[in-house]
Amino acid sequence: MMHSGSAALAQKPAPHRLLRRVASAVVPDAGKHAIDRVRERRFLRRIGPINDEYVRRYGLEVRGGPFAGMPYVPGQEHISGHLIAKLVGSYERQIYPWLLDEWIAGDFELVIDVGCAEGFYAVGLARAMPGVEVRAYDTYEPARRACAELARINGVRDRVIVSDLCTASTLAEVPQARVALLSDCEGYEKFLLDPVIAPNMRAWSIIVEQHDNVDPTISATIERRFRDTHDIEVVESVPPDHRGVPELEWMTDEQLWLALHERPLPMSWALLRPRNAPAVS
């Protein structure tokens, strides 16, 4: 990341999020990036052969979940570290019913993805929601390049607008009413999701990954800010589960952990459904 301060924590780091988050606050840029490179090389040495074997067997197309059929881009492990989970359709599976039943089946003008990484959600939703514009934000420049490339190979580059920093003030300038906002920004959601700064989000559908492992007040803060305008449903993160996924049967327990382990606990997602959503014209 090239920014400093709380905004720099906003949108996706490389795979070792916790390390990058701490380093952003306490280590000068040169030292931070040196730590990241060491950790990244260590991770890639372990996960690289596993990813290669999976791709040799099954290719680079998403096989399950809401984005089944989406072609993927090789070599993006340094962006998010969850290639196999995304390809088999198990990544963050707790929110798939919300995406399928409410967002993809809904009627939106705009999707905003804050913390887009290599574009799994930004491009997947653009494919699944024809005609909808997607604005994808990430402060990590390699992630922005990867997202733009993933959009290109999926034929949606004209509808996926990739930018760097997104703040509450950025959201306050969004004119559209029928907006779906996805937030996965490593604790910065406490600053981003502020309806005092951006009153228009009181009418938006919002899915937010709540990083109480970063700041234990985050979920309570979001609930307090939106309880008067939204119905709020929360699901907790659970350990990854490979049962029923035949593409993973060849893996050892250690390989499964490396391929599917997503995040430290506790962590949750909240779906915020606006009570006064704008009428469809």
C-alpha atoms as a PDB file:
ATOM      1  CA  MET A   1       0.000   0.000   0.000  1.00  0.00           C
ATOM      2  CA  MET A   2       1.120   3.471  -0.791  1.00  0.00           C
ATOM      3  CA  HIS A   3      -1.073   5.438   1.600  1.00  0.00           C
ATOM      4  CA  SER A   4      -0.514   6.047   5.289  1.00  0.00           C
ATOM      5  CA  GLY A   5      -2.900   6.484   8.216  1.00  0.00           C
ATOM      6  CA  SER A   6      -6.313   4.870   8.641  1.00  0.00           C
ATOM      7  CA  ALA A   7      -7.241   5.264   4.984  1.00  0.00           C
ATOM      8  CA  ALA A   8      -4.265   3.123   4.062  1.00  0.00           C
ATOM      9  CA  LEU A   9      -5.778   0.224   5.944  1.00  0.00           C
ATOM     10  CA  ALA A  10      -8.875   0.385   3.795  1.00  0.00           C
ATOM     11  CA  GLN A  11      -8.525  -1.767   0.742  1.00  0.00           C
ATOM     12  CA  LYS A  12      -6.950  -5.149   0.222  1.00  0.00           C
ATOM     13  CA  PRO A  13      -3.386  -5.973   1.121  1.00  0.00           C
ATOM     14  CA  ALA A  14      -1.405  -8.930  -0.121  1.00  0.00           C
ATOM     15  CA  PRO A  15      -2.241 -12.310   1.458  1.00  0.00           C
ATOM     16  CA  HIS A  16      -0.820 -11.694   4.907  1.00  0.00           C
ATOM     17  CA  ARG A  17      -3.369  -9.136   5.959  1.00  0.00           C
ATOM     18  CA  LEU A  18      -2.694  -9.075   9.667  1.00  0.00           C
ATOM     19  CA  LEU A  19       1.020  -8.451   9.163  1.00  0.00           C
ATOM     20  CA  ARG A  20       0.408  -5.712   6.610  1.00  0.00           C
ATOM     21  CA  ARG A  21      -2.185  -4.059   8.857  1.00  0.00           C
ATOM     22  CA  VAL A  22       0.210  -3.900  11.815  1.00  0.00           C
ATOM     23  CA  ALA A  23       3.136  -2.887   9.655  1.00  0.00           C
ATOM     24  CA  SER A  24       1.151  -0.021   8.122  1.00  0.00           C
ATOM     25  CA  ALA A  25       0.831   1.542  11.528  1.00  0.00           C
ATOM     26  CA  VAL A  26       4.222   0.929  13.114  1.00  0.00           C
ATOM     27  CA  VAL A  27       6.872   0.208  10.459  1.00  0.00           C
ATOM     28  CA  PRO A  28       8.255   2.697   7.908  1.00  0.00           C
ATOM     29  CA  ASP A  29       7.313   1.876   4.319  1.00  0.00           C
ATOM     30  CA  ALA A  30      10.665   0.334   3.413  1.00  0.00           C
ATOM     31  CA  GLY A  31      10.630  -1.946   6.437  1.00  0.00           C
ATOM     32  CA  LYS A  32       6.974  -2.823   5.969  1.00  0.00           C
ATOM     33  CA  HIS A  33       7.432  -3.872   2.356  1.00  0.00           C
ATOM     34  CA  ALA A  34      10.532  -5.919   3.256  1.00  0.00           C
ATOM     35  CA  ILE A  35       8.513  -7.821   5.875  1.00  0.00           C
ATOM     36  CA  ASP A  36       5.702  -8.332   3.361  1.00  0.00           C
ATOM     37  CA  ARG A  37       8.079  -9.705   0.744  1.00  0.00           C
ATOM     38  CA  VAL A  38       9.580 -12.238   3.157  1.00  0.00           C
ATOM     39  CA  ARG A  39       6.165 -13.424   4.312  1.00  0.00           C
ATOM     40  CA  GLU A  40       4.839 -13.469   0.757  1.00  0.00           C
ATOM     41  CA  ARG A  41       7.719 -15.595  -0.536  1.00  0.00           C
ATOM     42  CA  ARG A  42       7.282 -18.038   2.338  1.00  0.00           C
ATOM     43  CA  PHE A  43       3.556 -18.346   1.685  1.00  0.00           C
ATOM     44  CA  LEU A  44       3.976 -18.750  -2.078  1.00  0.00           C
ATOM     45  CA  ARG A  45       6.590 -21.461  -1.629  1.00  0.00           C
ATOM     46  CA  ARG A  46       4.046 -23.482   0.334  1.00  0.00           C
ATOM     47  CA  ILE A  47       0.850 -22.753  -1.598  1.00  0.00           C
ATOM     48  CA  GLY A  48       2.352 -22.489  -5.090  1.00  0.00           C
ATOM     49  CA  PRO A  49       2.735 -26.223  -5.811  1.00  0.00           C
ATOM     50  CA  ILE A  50      -0.749 -26.894  -4.417  1.00  0.00           C
ATOM     51  CA  ASN A  51      -2.292 -24.259  -6.668  1.00  0.00           C
ATOM     52  CA  ASP A  52      -0.332 -25.555  -9.646  1.00  0.00           C
ATOM     53  CA  GLU A  53      -1.559 -29.091  -9.098  1.00  0.00           C
ATOM     54  CA  TYR A  54      -5.163 -27.952  -8.723  1.00  0.00           C
ATOM     55  CA  VAL A  55      -4.971 -25.896 -11.933  1.00  0.00           C
ATOM     56  CA  ARG A  56      -3.328 -28.820 -13.758  1.00  0.00           C
ATOM     57  CA  ARG A  57      -6.266 -31.024 -12.769  1.00  0.00           C
ATOM     58  CA  TYR A  58      -9.189 -28.632 -13.116  1.00  0.00           C
ATOM     59  CA  GLY A  59      -8.127 -25.461 -14.894  1.00  0.00           C
ATOM     60  CA  LEU A  60      -8.822 -21.816 -14.097  1.00  0.00           C
ATOM     61  CA  GLU A  61     -12.595 -21.604 -14.242  1.00  0.00           C
ATOM     62  CA  VAL A  62     -14.747 -21.054 -11.162  1.00  0.00           C
ATOM     63  CA  ARG A  63     -16.671 -24.304 -10.695  1.00  0.00           C
ATOM     64  CA  GLY A  64     -19.191 -23.435  -7.962  1.00  0.00           C
ATOM     65  CA  GLY A  65     -20.916 -20.659  -6.066  1.00  0.00           C
ATOM     66  CA  PRO A  66     -22.599 -17.548  -7.490  1.00  0.00           C
ATOM     67  CA  PHE A  67     -19.850 -16.964 -10.076  1.00  0.00           C
ATOM     68  CA  ALA A  68     -19.617 -20.464 -11.548  1.00  0.00           C
ATOM     69  CA  GLY A  69     -18.269 -20.363 -15.077  1.00  0.00           C
ATOM     70  CA  MET A  70     -16.103 -17.274 -14.557  1.00  0.00           C
ATOM     71  CA  PRO A  71     -12.650 -17.606 -16.167  1.00  0.00           C
ATOM     72  CA  TYR A  72      -9.887 -16.669 -13.750  1.00  0.00           C
ATOM     73  CA  VAL A  73      -6.398 -15.219 -14.089  1.00  0.00           C
ATOM     74  CA  PRO A  74      -3.328 -17.282 -13.113  1.00  0.00           C
ATOM     75  CA  GLY A  75      -0.622 -16.012 -10.829  1.00  0.00           C
ATOM     76  CA  GLN A  76      -2.733 -13.875  -8.473  1.00  0.00           C
ATOM     77  CA  GLU A  77      -1.843 -15.718  -5.265  1.00  0.00           C
ATOM     78  CA  HIS A  78       0.128 -12.693  -4.038  1.00  0.00           C
ATOM     79  CA  ILE A  79      -3.075 -10.609  -4.140  1.00  0.00           C
ATOM     80  CA  SER A  80      -5.493 -12.586  -1.994  1.00  0.00           C
ATOM     81  CA  GLY A  81      -4.035 -16.033  -1.392  1.00  0.00           C
ATOM     82  CA  HIS A  82      -7.346 -17.876  -1.830  1.00  0.00           C
ATOM     83  CA  LEU A  83      -7.195 -19.099  -5.412  1.00  0.00           C
ATOM     84  CA  ILE A  84      -8.442 -22.657  -4.849  1.00  0.00           C
ATOM     85  CA  ALA A  85     -11.272 -21.646  -2.496  1.00  0.00           C
ATOM     86  CA  LYS A  86     -12.504 -19.214  -5.133  1.00  0.00           C
ATOM     87  CA  LEU A  87     -12.192 -21.702  -7.968  1.00  0.00           C
ATOM     88  CA  VAL A  88     -14.154 -24.433  -6.174  1.00  0.00           C
ATOM     89  CA  GLY A  89     -16.797 -21.935  -5.006  1.00  0.00           C
ATOM     90  CA  SER A  90     -16.271 -22.262  -1.260  1.00  0.00           C
ATOM     91  CA  TYR A  91     -14.688 -18.876  -0.547  1.00  0.00           C
ATOM     92  CA  GLU A  92     -16.780 -16.894   1.999  1.00  0.00           C
ATOM     93  CA  ARG A  93     -19.680 -19.227   1.269  1.00  0.00           C
ATOM     94  CA  GLN A  94     -21.689 -17.805   4.184  1.00  0.00           C
ATOM     95  CA  ILE A  95     -22.671 -14.776   2.099  1.00  0.00           C
ATOM     96  CA  TYR A  96     -23.573 -16.619  -1.112  1.00  0.00           C
ATOM     97  CA  PRO A  97     -27.321 -16.763  -0.334  1.00  0.00           C
ATOM     98  CA  TRP A  98     -27.340 -12.980   0.076  1.00  0.00           C
ATOM     99  CA  LEU A  99     -25.546 -12.497  -3.229  1.00  0.00           C
ATOM    100  CA  LEU A 100     -27.709 -14.957  -5.149  1.00  0.00           C
ATOM    101  CA  ASP A 101     -31.133 -14.292  -3.658  1.00  0.00           C
ATOM    102  CA  GLU A 102     -30.937 -10.559  -3.009  1.00  0.00           C
ATOM    103  CA  TRP A 103     -28.260  -8.864  -5.067  1.00  0.00           C
ATOM    104  CA  ILE A 104     -28.072 -10.877  -8.278  1.00  0.00           C
ATOM    105  CA  ALA A 105     -31.846 -11.388  -8.266  1.00  0.00           C
ATOM    106  CA  GLY A 106     -32.437  -7.734  -7.349  1.00  0.00           C
ATOM    107  CA  ASP A 107     -32.600  -4.533  -9.352  1.00  0.00           C
ATOM    108  CA  PHE A 108     -29.578  -2.310  -8.798  1.00  0.00           C
ATOM    109  CA  GLU A 109     -28.012   0.519 -10.732  1.00  0.00           C
ATOM    110  CA  LEU A 110     -24.587   0.290  -9.174  1.00  0.00           C
ATOM    111  CA  VAL A 111     -22.383  -2.081  -7.179  1.00  0.00           C
ATOM    112  CA  ILE A 112     -19.508  -0.678  -5.111  1.00  0.00           C
ATOM    113  CA  ASP A 113     -16.773  -3.064  -3.976  1.00  0.00           C
ATOM    114  CA  VAL A 114     -14.375  -1.558  -1.428  1.00  0.00           C
ATOM    115  CA  GLY A 115     -11.340  -3.786  -1.014  1.00  0.00           C
ATOM    116  CA  CYS A 116     -11.740  -5.537  -4.357  1.00  0.00           C
ATOM    117  CA  ALA A 117      -8.375  -7.390  -4.446  1.00  0.00           C
ATOM    118  CA  GLU A 118      -8.044  -9.154  -7.809  1.00  0.00           C
ATOM    119  CA  GLY A 119     -11.749  -8.716  -8.563  1.00  0.00           C
ATOM    120  CA  PHE A 120     -13.469 -11.921  -7.506  1.00  0.00           C
ATOM    121  CA  TYR A 121     -16.616 -10.082  -6.401  1.00  0.00           C
ATOM    122  CA  ALA A 122     -16.343  -7.006  -8.614  1.00  0.00           C
ATOM    123  CA  VAL A 123     -16.027  -9.013 -11.824  1.00  0.00           C
ATOM    124  CA  GLY A 124     -18.246 -11.856 -10.653  1.00  0.00           C
ATOM    125  CA  LEU A 125     -21.088  -9.467  -9.878  1.00  0.00           C
ATOM    126  CA  ALA A 126     -20.574  -7.582 -13.150  1.00  0.00           C
ATOM    127  CA  ARG A 127     -20.954 -10.903 -15.000  1.00  0.00           C
ATOM    128  CA  ALA A 128     -23.992 -11.923 -12.962  1.00  0.00           C
ATOM    129  CA  MET A 129     -25.751  -8.530 -13.105  1.00  0.00           C
ATOM    130  CA  PRO A 130     -25.817  -7.478 -16.776  1.00  0.00           C
ATOM    131  CA  GLY A 131     -25.947  -3.747 -17.353  1.00  0.00           C
ATOM    132  CA  VAL A 132     -24.963  -2.848 -13.796  1.00  0.00           C
ATOM    133  CA  GLU A 133     -21.927  -0.613 -13.277  1.00  0.00           C
ATOM    134  CA  VAL A 134     -19.352  -1.816 -10.742  1.00  0.00           C
ATOM    135  CA  ARG A 135     -16.924   0.526  -8.996  1.00  0.00           C
ATOM    136  CA  ALA A 136     -14.014  -1.420  -7.528  1.00  0.00           C
ATOM    137  CA  TYR A 137     -11.609   0.166  -5.051  1.00  0.00           C
ATOM    138  CA  ASP A 138      -8.269  -1.026  -3.712  1.00  0.00           C
ATOM    139  CA  THR A 139      -5.226   0.886  -2.460  1.00  0.00           C
ATOM    140  CA  TYR A 140      -2.904  -1.968  -3.483  1.00  0.00           C
ATOM    141  CA  GLU A 141      -1.781  -1.174  -7.015  1.00  0.00           C
ATOM    142  CA  PRO A 142      -1.094  -4.784  -8.144  1.00  0.00           C
ATOM    143  CA  ALA A 143      -4.634  -5.633  -7.036  1.00  0.00           C
ATOM    144  CA  ARG A 144      -6.061  -2.881  -9.237  1.00  0.00           C
ATOM    145  CA  ARG A 145      -4.107  -4.162 -12.230  1.00  0.00           C
ATOM    146  CA  ALA A 146      -5.287  -7.712 -11.587  1.00  0.00           C
ATOM    147  CA  CYS A 147      -8.912  -6.610 -11.204  1.00  0.00           C
ATOM    148  CA  ALA A 148      -8.795  -4.719 -14.494  1.00  0.00           C
ATOM    149  CA  GLU A 149      -7.293  -7.762 -16.246  1.00  0.00           C
ATOM    150  CA  LEU A 150      -9.886 -10.128 -14.771  1.00  0.00           C
ATOM    151  CA  ALA A 151     -12.618  -7.766 -15.970  1.00  0.00           C
ATOM    152  CA  ARG A 152     -11.049  -7.699 -19.426  1.00  0.00           C
ATOM    153  CA  ILE A 153     -10.891 -11.464 -19.901  1.00  0.00           C
ATOM    154  CA  ASN A 154     -14.498 -11.741 -18.709  1.00  0.00           C
ATOM    155  CA  GLY A 155     -15.741  -9.133 -21.171  1.00  0.00           C
ATOM    156  CA  VAL A 156     -16.946  -6.627 -18.560  1.00  0.00           C
ATOM    157  CA  ARG A 157     -14.077  -4.121 -18.556  1.00  0.00           C
ATOM    158  CA  ASP A 158     -16.415  -1.377 -19.805  1.00  0.00           C
ATOM    159  CA  ARG A 159     -18.585  -1.760 -16.670  1.00  0.00           C
ATOM    160  CA  VAL A 160     -15.909  -2.303 -14.010  1.00  0.00           C
ATOM    161  CA  ILE A 161     -14.306   0.997 -12.995  1.00  0.00           C
ATOM    162  CA  VAL A 162     -11.185   0.404 -10.922  1.00  0.00           C
ATOM    163  CA  SER A 163      -9.935   3.106  -8.539  1.00  0.00           C
ATOM    164  CA  ASP A 164      -7.687   3.388  -5.515  1.00  0.00           C
ATOM    165  CA  LEU A 165      -8.900   5.060  -2.312  1.00  0.00           C
ATOM    166  CA  CYS A 166     -12.552   5.075  -1.242  1.00  0.00           C
ATOM    167  CA  THR A 167     -13.683   7.064   1.806  1.00  0.00           C
ATOM    168  CA  ALA A 168     -17.041   7.953   3.312  1.00  0.00           C
ATOM    169  CA  SER A 169     -16.766  11.241   1.441  1.00  0.00           C
ATOM    170  CA  THR A 170     -16.295   9.295  -1.808  1.00  0.00           C
ATOM    171  CA  LEU A 171     -19.531   7.430  -1.097  1.00  0.00           C
ATOM    172  CA  ALA A 172     -21.337  10.676  -0.270  1.00  0.00           C
ATOM    173  CA  GLU A 173     -20.806  11.756  -3.889  1.00  0.00           C
ATOM    174  CA  VAL A 174     -22.548   8.701  -5.377  1.00  0.00           C
ATOM    175  CA  PRO A 175     -25.776   9.947  -7.008  1.00  0.00           C
ATOM    176  CA  GLN A 176     -27.489   6.623  -7.659  1.00  0.00           C
ATOM    177  CA  ALA A 177     -30.222   5.413  -5.342  1.00  0.00           C
ATOM    178  CA  ARG A 178     -30.329   1.655  -6.022  1.00  0.00           C
ATOM    179  CA  VAL A 179     -26.829   0.807  -4.796  1.00  0.00           C
ATOM    180  CA  ALA A 180     -25.315  -2.404  -3.412  1.00  0.00           C
ATOM    181  CA  LEU A 181     -22.155  -1.830  -1.379  1.00  0.00           C
ATOM    182  CA  LEU A 182     -19.695  -4.614  -0.512  1.00  0.00           C
ATOM    183  CA  SER A 183     -17.094  -3.723   2.116  1.00  0.00           C
ATOM    184  CA  ASP A 184     -14.068  -5.894   2.919  1.00  0.00           C
ATOM    185  CA  CYS A 185     -11.442  -3.460   4.122  1.00  0.00           C
ATOM    186  CA  GLU A 186      -9.677  -4.932   7.128  1.00  0.00           C
ATOM    187  CA  GLY A 187     -11.200  -2.751   9.861  1.00  0.00           C
ATOM    188  CA  TYR A 188     -11.546   0.453   7.860  1.00  0.00           C
ATOM    189  CA  GLU A 189     -15.274  -0.236   7.602  1.00  0.00           C
ATOM    190  CA  LYS A 190     -15.623   1.621  10.908  1.00  0.00           C
ATOM    191  CA  PHE A 191     -14.570   4.797   9.100  1.00  0.00           C
ATOM    192  CA  LEU A 192     -16.076   4.006   5.702  1.00  0.00           C
ATOM    193  CA  LEU A 193     -19.648   3.142   6.722  1.00  0.00           C
ATOM    194  CA  ASP A 194     -20.664   6.455   8.237  1.00  0.00           C
ATOM    195  CA  PRO A 195     -24.180   7.579   7.266  1.00  0.00           C
ATOM    196  CA  VAL A 196     -23.598  10.974   8.863  1.00  0.00           C
ATOM    197  CA  ILE A 197     -20.928  11.709   6.250  1.00  0.00           C
ATOM    198  CA  ALA A 198     -22.737   9.783   3.472  1.00  0.00           C
ATOM    199  CA  PRO A 199     -26.505   9.972   4.194  1.00  0.00           C
ATOM    200  CA  ASN A 200     -27.306   8.353   0.831  1.00  0.00           C
ATOM    201  CA  MET A 201     -26.121   4.976   2.130  1.00  0.00           C
ATOM    202  CA  ARG A 202     -29.166   4.871   4.410  1.00  0.00           C
ATOM    203  CA  ALA A 203     -31.056   3.594   1.347  1.00  0.00           C
ATOM    204  CA  TRP A 204     -28.373   1.168   0.153  1.00  0.00           C
ATOM    205  CA  SER A 205     -28.091  -2.589   0.500  1.00  0.00           C
ATOM    206  CA  ILE A 206     -24.777  -3.276   2.254  1.00  0.00           C
ATOM    207  CA  ILE A 207     -22.753  -6.410   2.900  1.00  0.00           C
ATOM    208  CA  VAL A 208     -19.858  -5.727   5.259  1.00  0.00           C
ATOM    209  CA  GLU A 209     -17.147  -8.020   6.526  1.00  0.00           C
ATOM    210  CA  GLN A 210     -16.850  -6.987  10.177  1.00  0.00           C
ATOM    211  CA  HIS A 211     -13.312  -7.273  11.472  1.00  0.00           C
ATOM    212  CA  ASP A 212     -13.877  -7.362  15.200  1.00  0.00           C
ATOM    213  CA  ASN A 213     -10.561  -9.195  15.394  1.00  0.00           C
ATOM    214  CA  VAL A 214      -9.005  -5.827  14.466  1.00  0.00           C
ATOM    215  CA  ASP A 215     -11.269  -3.606  16.573  1.00  0.00           C
ATOM    216  CA  PRO A 216     -13.818  -5.288  18.871  1.00  0.00           C
ATOM    217  CA  THR A 217     -16.171  -2.292  18.611  1.00  0.00           C
ATOM    218  CA  ILE A 218     -16.733  -2.528  14.861  1.00  0.00           C
ATOM    219  CA  SER A 219     -19.864  -4.688  14.701  1.00  0.00           C
ATOM    220  CA  ALA A 220     -21.535  -2.792  17.538  1.00  0.00           C
ATOM    221  CA  THR A 221     -20.716   0.513  15.862  1.00  0.00           C
ATOM    222  CA  ILE A 222     -22.209  -0.569  12.545  1.00  0.00           C
ATOM    223  CA  GLU A 223     -25.320  -1.921  14.266  1.00  0.00           C
ATOM    224  CA  ARG A 224     -25.808   1.364  16.118  1.00  0.00           C
ATOM    225  CA  ARG A 225     -25.349   3.490  13.001  1.00  0.00           C
ATOM    226  CA  PHE A 226     -27.795   1.546  10.829  1.00  0.00           C
ATOM    227  CA  ARG A 227     -30.385   0.020  13.155  1.00  0.00           C
ATOM    228  CA  ASP A 228     -32.869   2.843  12.531  1.00  0.00           C
ATOM    229  CA  THR A 229     -32.699   2.529   8.742  1.00  0.00           C
ATOM    230  CA  HIS A 230     -31.864  -1.118   8.030  1.00  0.00           C
ATOM    231  CA  ASP A 231     -32.809  -4.639   9.023  1.00  0.00           C
ATOM    232  CA  ILE A 232     -29.520  -6.300   9.942  1.00  0.00           C
ATOM    233  CA  GLU A 233     -28.671  -9.991   9.575  1.00  0.00           C
ATOM    234  CA  VAL A 234     -25.322 -11.303  10.819  1.00  0.00           C
ATOM    235  CA  VAL A 235     -23.511 -14.556  10.076  1.00  0.00           C
ATOM    236  CA  GLU A 236     -20.323 -15.634  11.799  1.00  0.00           C
ATOM    237  CA  SER A 237     -17.220 -16.870  10.062  1.00  0.00           C
ATOM    238  CA  VAL A 238     -16.683 -20.604  10.451  1.00  0.00           C
ATOM    239  CA  PRO A 239     -13.670 -22.808   9.737  1.00  0.00           C
ATOM    240  CA  PRO A 240     -13.394 -23.931   6.113  1.00  0.00           C
ATOM    241  CA  ASP A 241     -15.155 -27.150   5.158  1.00  0.00           C
ATOM    242  CA  HIS A 242     -14.020 -29.272   2.223  1.00  0.00           C
ATOM    243  CA  ARG A 243     -16.712 -31.936   2.554  1.00  0.00           C
ATOM    244  CA  GLY A 244     -18.713 -32.437  -0.608  1.00  0.00           C
ATOM    245  CA  VAL A 245     -16.043 -30.839  -2.806  1.00  0.00           C
ATOM    246  CA  PRO A 246     -14.660 -33.655  -4.981  1.00  0.00           C
ATOM    247  CA  GLU A 247     -11.988 -31.403  -6.492  1.00  0.00           C
ATOM    248  CA  LEU A 248     -10.229 -31.355  -3.106  1.00  0.00           C
ATOM    249  CA  GLU A 249     -10.201 -35.083  -2.322  1.00  0.00           C
ATOM    250  CA  TRP A 250      -6.579 -35.501  -3.395  1.00  0.00           C
ATOM    251  CA  MET A 251      -5.258 -33.013  -0.805  1.00  0.00           C
ATOM    252  CA  THR A 252      -3.658 -33.795   2.535  1.00  0.00           C
ATOM    253  CA  ASP A 253      -4.954 -32.105   5.688  1.00  0.00           C
ATOM    254  CA  GLU A 254      -2.061 -29.638   5.592  1.00  0.00           C
ATOM    255  CA  GLN A 255      -2.735 -28.802   1.949  1.00  0.00           C
ATOM    256  CA  LEU A 256      -6.419 -28.288   2.671  1.00  0.00           C
ATOM    257  CA  TRP A 257      -5.610 -25.905   5.500  1.00  0.00           C
ATOM    258  CA  LEU A 258      -3.281 -23.851   3.309  1.00  0.00           C
ATOM    259  CA  ALA A 259      -5.744 -23.770   0.411  1.00  0.00           C
ATOM    260  CA  LEU A 260      -8.928 -23.007   2.332  1.00  0.00           C
ATOM    261  CA  HIS A 261      -7.978 -21.216   5.537  1.00  0.00           C
ATOM    262  CA  GLU A 262      -9.244 -17.672   5.049  1.00  0.00           C
ATOM    263  CA  ARG A 263      -8.905 -15.576   8.179  1.00  0.00           C
ATOM    264  CA  PRO A 264      -8.445 -15.337  11.923  1.00  0.00           C
ATOM    265  CA  LEU A 265     -11.505 -15.560  14.134  1.00  0.00           C
ATOM    266  CA  PRO A 266     -13.711 -13.993  15.391  1.00  0.00           C
ATOM    267  CA  MET A 267     -15.081 -12.312  12.290  1.00  0.00           C
ATOM    268  CA  SER A 268     -18.563 -11.889  10.853  1.00  0.00           C
ATOM    269  CA  TRP A 269     -20.515 -10.525   7.939  1.00  0.00           C
ATOM    270  CA  ALA A 270     -23.552  -8.306   8.225  1.00  0.00           C
ATOM    271  CA  LEU A 271     -26.216  -7.812   5.580  1.00  0.00           C
ATOM    272  CA  LEU A 272     -27.917  -4.438   5.944  1.00  0.00           C
ATOM    273  CA  ARG A 273     -31.265  -4.329   4.159  1.00  0.00           C
ATOM    274  CA  PRO A 274     -32.707  -0.819   3.824  1.00  0.00           C
ATOM    275  CA  ARG A 275     -36.277  -0.492   5.103  1.00  0.00           C
ATOM    276  CA  ASN A 276     -37.006   2.361   2.717  1.00  0.00           C
ATOM    277  CA  ALA A 277     -35.346   1.224  -0.467  1.00  0.00           C
ATOM    278  CA  PRO A 278     -36.080   3.496  -3.446  1.00  0.00           C
ATOM    279  CA  ALA A 279     -38.835   2.411  -5.801  1.00  0.00           C
ATOM    280  CA  VAL A 280     -37.846   0.946  -9.137  1.00  0.00           C
ATOM    281  CA  SER A 281     -38.763   3.386 -11.898  1.00  0.00           C
END
